[in-house]
């Protein structure tokens, strides 16, 4: 499976170029002979393992208003991700508001999906769901860090709305994309976000991450994205 791992790593390099993120290929011996470490697999071992905290107090507003312009480029985060992930993009105002485009190959299904503003089957997925983050450390954060997570391009992906809504608040242990060829990239993305923000994983989640990434031990770890603290002008509940 090493060839498959290298191929997925190449995809990550392409994504990194589009997002401003960087690929971090780490060495190391891993946790034992069952798992030979690449960047993403090795990073799983650095994540804190704890039980899931109660969902008490969770509300989307705890992560700020939706799609805040935390990178101060004048466009909201949703439009930034649509511009990044769609092809043939057309704008309402020539720069920010995406009105149409095509998701040429949906990461979760492989389908081509047309995007038309107001009647689209394209969602912007948080790789690490905000509710999952809340239960694994984010409830103790300063609001500016929660706002940053909700708007970080490292944690965002344009996808088919159907699979995304079936995912809900699932983690790697409870949901994986139907498209098996994308699972290594998907799990590596969750590892990258949890490592960057210091979110923990459950034992079952860690084991599921290792099961997937052991099939692609050369899988690269994506890093970068936005700072982990939003500008002071943004507020959350």
Protein backbone atom coordinates (compact mmCIF):
# COMPACT_ATOMS: atom_id res chain seq x y z
CA UNK A 1 0.00 0.00 0.00
CA UNK A 2 3.01 2.34 0.04
CA UNK A 3 2.32 3.42 -3.54
CA UNK A 4 -1.20 4.46 -2.53
CA UNK A 5 0.22 6.42 0.37
CA UNK A 6 2.57 8.31 -1.92
CA UNK A 7 -0.29 9.09 -4.30
CA UNK A 8 -2.40 10.53 -1.51
CA UNK A 9 0.56 12.56 -0.31
CA UNK A 10 0.77 14.08 -3.78
CA UNK A 11 -2.87 15.10 -3.51
CA UNK A 12 -2.13 16.77 -0.19
CA UNK A 13 0.69 18.77 -1.76
CA UNK A 14 -1.80 20.06 -4.34
CA UNK A 15 -4.31 20.98 -1.63
CA UNK A 16 -1.57 22.65 0.37
CA UNK A 17 -0.70 24.88 -2.55
CA UNK A 18 -4.32 25.99 -2.78
CA UNK A 19 -4.82 26.61 0.93
CA UNK A 20 -1.55 28.13 1.99
CA UNK A 21 -0.93 25.09 4.18
CA UNK A 22 2.26 23.07 4.19
CA UNK A 23 2.93 19.37 4.14
CA UNK A 24 4.96 18.06 7.03
CA UNK A 25 6.50 14.65 6.39
CA UNK A 26 7.78 13.35 9.72
CA UNK A 27 10.02 10.41 10.42
CA UNK A 28 10.11 8.21 13.50
CA UNK A 29 9.60 4.60 14.41
CA UNK A 30 5.90 4.81 15.34
CA UNK A 31 4.24 2.84 18.10
CA UNK A 32 5.37 -0.64 17.05
CA UNK A 33 5.73 -3.00 14.11
CA UNK A 34 2.01 -2.92 13.33
CA UNK A 35 2.12 0.77 12.44
CA UNK A 36 5.05 2.12 10.43
CA UNK A 37 4.90 5.87 10.83
CA UNK A 38 4.47 8.46 8.13
CA UNK A 39 3.69 12.05 8.97
CA UNK A 40 0.00 11.58 9.78
CA UNK A 41 0.30 8.17 11.42
CA UNK A 42 3.14 9.32 13.63
CA UNK A 43 1.12 12.37 14.65
CA UNK A 44 -1.71 10.18 16.00
CA UNK A 45 0.64 9.08 18.76
CA UNK A 46 1.10 12.70 19.84
CA UNK A 47 -2.61 13.26 20.50
CA UNK A 48 -3.91 13.17 24.06
CA UNK A 49 -6.31 10.29 24.72
CA UNK A 50 -9.26 10.98 27.06
CA UNK A 51 -12.93 10.19 27.37
CA UNK A 52 -15.51 12.31 25.61
CA UNK A 53 -16.75 15.16 27.82
CA UNK A 54 -20.49 15.93 28.12
CA UNK A 55 -22.07 18.00 25.35
CA UNK A 56 -23.55 20.28 28.01
CA UNK A 57 -23.46 23.93 26.99
CA UNK A 58 -22.72 23.32 23.31
CA UNK A 59 -24.15 25.84 20.87
CA UNK A 60 -22.95 26.86 17.41
CA UNK A 61 -22.78 30.42 18.70
CA UNK A 62 -19.98 29.39 21.06
CA UNK A 63 -17.80 29.32 17.93
CA UNK A 64 -18.84 32.77 16.77
CA UNK A 65 -21.12 33.84 13.95
CA UNK A 66 -20.97 31.57 10.93
CA UNK A 67 -18.25 32.20 8.35
CA UNK A 68 -16.52 35.16 9.96
CA UNK A 69 -13.82 36.87 7.88
CA UNK A 70 -11.06 36.02 10.35
CA UNK A 71 -8.29 36.33 7.75
CA UNK A 72 -9.41 39.92 6.98
CA UNK A 73 -9.37 39.49 3.21
CA UNK A 74 -12.81 41.09 2.81
CA UNK A 75 -14.60 37.82 1.94
CA UNK A 76 -16.41 35.52 4.34
CA UNK A 77 -14.92 32.11 5.09
CA UNK A 78 -17.57 30.14 3.20
CA UNK A 79 -16.86 32.02 -0.02
CA UNK A 80 -13.11 31.60 0.53
CA UNK A 81 -13.54 27.81 0.64
CA UNK A 82 -15.87 27.76 -2.36
CA UNK A 83 -13.29 29.76 -4.34
CA UNK A 84 -10.59 27.33 -3.26
CA UNK A 85 -12.44 24.07 -3.91
CA UNK A 86 -14.71 24.76 -6.91
CA UNK A 87 -13.80 25.12 -10.57
CA UNK A 88 -15.36 27.54 -13.05
CA UNK A 89 -16.25 29.94 -10.26
CA UNK A 90 -18.45 32.96 -11.05
CA UNK A 91 -18.94 35.89 -8.66
CA UNK A 92 -21.81 38.25 -7.95
CA UNK A 93 -19.49 41.16 -7.19
CA UNK A 94 -16.38 40.15 -9.09
CA UNK A 95 -14.36 39.11 -6.05
CA UNK A 96 -16.10 37.51 -3.07
CA UNK A 97 -19.66 36.24 -3.39
CA UNK A 98 -19.58 32.92 -5.28
CA UNK A 99 -22.81 32.40 -7.23
CA UNK A 100 -21.89 29.31 -9.25
CA UNK A 101 -19.18 26.78 -9.94
CA UNK A 102 -18.53 23.06 -10.01
CA UNK A 103 -17.25 20.66 -7.40
CA UNK A 104 -15.45 18.63 -10.04
CA UNK A 105 -14.84 15.59 -7.86
CA UNK A 106 -16.54 15.55 -4.48
CA UNK A 107 -14.01 14.24 -1.94
CA UNK A 108 -16.59 12.08 -0.17
CA UNK A 109 -18.28 10.45 -3.19
CA UNK A 110 -16.23 11.25 -6.30
CA UNK A 111 -19.30 12.80 -7.96
CA UNK A 112 -19.34 16.02 -9.94
CA UNK A 113 -21.72 18.50 -8.30
CA UNK A 114 -22.89 21.82 -9.69
CA UNK A 115 -22.99 24.69 -7.22
CA UNK A 116 -25.64 27.40 -7.56
CA UNK A 117 -26.06 29.82 -4.68
CA UNK A 118 -29.32 29.34 -2.80
CA UNK A 119 -30.11 25.88 -4.18
CA UNK A 120 -26.88 23.99 -3.81
CA UNK A 121 -26.04 20.45 -2.77
CA UNK A 122 -22.56 21.62 -1.78
CA UNK A 123 -21.84 22.04 1.94
CA UNK A 124 -18.73 23.33 3.68
CA UNK A 125 -17.77 20.57 6.11
CA UNK A 126 -15.80 21.04 9.32
CA UNK A 127 -13.47 18.04 9.18
CA UNK A 128 -13.47 18.09 12.96
CA UNK A 129 -17.11 18.82 13.77
CA UNK A 130 -17.58 21.72 16.14
CA UNK A 131 -19.67 19.63 18.53
CA UNK A 132 -16.95 16.96 18.58
CA UNK A 133 -14.37 19.67 19.30
CA UNK A 134 -16.55 21.03 22.12
CA UNK A 135 -16.57 17.61 23.79
CA UNK A 136 -12.83 17.14 23.38
CA UNK A 137 -11.36 20.32 24.76
CA UNK A 138 -12.91 23.35 23.06
CA UNK A 139 -15.41 24.06 25.85
CA UNK A 140 -12.46 25.18 28.00
CA UNK A 141 -10.97 27.47 25.36
CA UNK A 142 -10.96 31.21 25.05
CA UNK A 143 -13.72 32.18 22.54
CA UNK A 144 -11.16 33.55 20.07
CA UNK A 145 -9.68 30.06 19.68
CA UNK A 146 -13.10 28.52 19.02
CA UNK A 147 -13.80 31.18 16.38
CA UNK A 148 -10.44 30.42 14.77
CA UNK A 149 -11.19 26.68 14.59
CA UNK A 150 -14.60 27.27 13.01
CA UNK A 151 -13.05 29.38 10.23
CA UNK A 152 -9.68 27.71 9.69
CA UNK A 153 -9.25 26.48 6.08
CA UNK A 154 -7.26 23.55 7.46
CA UNK A 155 -10.55 22.34 8.98
CA UNK A 156 -12.86 23.15 6.04
CA UNK A 157 -13.77 21.33 2.83
CA UNK A 158 -16.44 21.75 0.14
CA UNK A 159 -18.33 18.46 -0.13
CA UNK A 160 -21.56 16.76 -1.17
CA UNK A 161 -24.29 17.81 1.28
CA UNK A 162 -25.75 14.31 1.63
CA UNK A 163 -22.76 12.50 3.14
CA UNK A 164 -21.84 15.58 5.14
CA UNK A 165 -25.21 15.66 6.86
CA UNK A 166 -25.06 11.94 7.58
CA UNK A 167 -21.72 12.55 9.29
CA UNK A 168 -23.22 14.96 11.80
CA UNK A 169 -20.82 15.30 14.73
CA UNK A 170 -19.09 12.00 14.00
CA UNK A 171 -15.39 11.39 14.55
CA UNK A 172 -13.17 8.83 12.81
CA UNK A 173 -14.53 6.03 15.01
CA UNK A 174 -18.14 6.66 13.94
CA UNK A 175 -18.02 8.03 10.38
CA UNK A 176 -15.78 7.78 7.32
CA UNK A 177 -16.38 9.03 3.76
CA UNK A 178 -18.13 6.53 1.47
CA UNK A 179 -15.29 6.99 -1.03
CA UNK A 180 -12.69 4.63 0.37
CA UNK A 181 -9.88 6.15 -1.69
CA UNK A 182 -10.27 9.42 0.20
CA UNK A 183 -10.26 8.01 3.73
CA UNK A 184 -6.53 8.37 4.33
CA UNK A 185 -6.62 12.03 3.32
CA UNK A 186 -9.74 12.64 5.41
CA UNK A 187 -8.37 11.05 8.57
CA UNK A 188 -5.02 12.77 8.11
CA UNK A 189 -6.93 16.06 7.96
CA UNK A 190 -8.66 15.34 11.26
CA UNK A 191 -5.33 14.42 12.85
CA UNK A 192 -3.79 17.65 11.58
CA UNK A 193 -6.59 19.79 13.03
CA UNK A 194 -6.61 18.02 16.39
CA UNK A 195 -2.83 18.28 16.67
CA UNK A 196 -2.80 21.97 15.74
CA UNK A 197 -5.50 22.93 18.24
CA UNK A 198 -4.60 20.50 21.02
CA UNK A 199 -7.92 18.63 20.89
CA UNK A 200 -7.94 15.19 22.40
CA UNK A 201 -9.24 11.90 20.98
CA UNK A 202 -11.01 8.98 22.58
CA UNK A 203 -9.28 5.59 22.66
CA UNK A 204 -11.69 4.29 20.05
CA UNK A 205 -11.06 7.29 17.83
CA UNK A 206 -7.28 6.91 18.11
CA UNK A 207 -7.52 3.22 17.20
CA UNK A 208 -9.75 3.99 14.22
CA UNK A 209 -7.29 6.64 13.02
CA UNK A 210 -4.47 4.12 13.22
CA UNK A 211 -6.45 1.45 11.37
CA UNK A 212 -7.06 3.78 8.45
CA UNK A 213 -3.59 5.33 8.35
CA UNK A 214 -1.82 1.98 8.68
CA UNK A 215 -3.04 1.26 5.12
CA UNK A 216 -1.17 4.36 3.91
CA UNK A 217 1.83 4.70 6.27
CA UNK A 218 3.47 7.34 4.07
CA UNK A 219 0.47 9.65 4.35
CA UNK A 220 1.67 13.22 4.77
CA UNK A 221 0.49 15.53 7.53
CA UNK A 222 -0.97 18.84 6.40
CA UNK A 223 -0.10 21.87 8.51
CA UNK A 224 -0.67 25.61 8.29
CA UNK A 225 -3.99 27.38 7.85
CA UNK A 226 -4.98 30.39 9.94
CA UNK A 227 -3.68 31.40 13.39
CA UNK A 228 -5.34 29.61 16.33
CA UNK A 229 -6.69 32.87 17.72
CA UNK A 230 -9.16 35.10 15.88
CA UNK A 231 -8.76 38.91 15.78
CA UNK A 232 -10.17 40.77 18.79
CA UNK A 233 -13.07 42.25 16.82
CA UNK A 234 -14.77 38.83 16.69
CA UNK A 235 -16.86 37.58 19.59
CA UNK A 236 -18.68 34.38 20.56
CA UNK A 237 -21.35 33.59 23.12
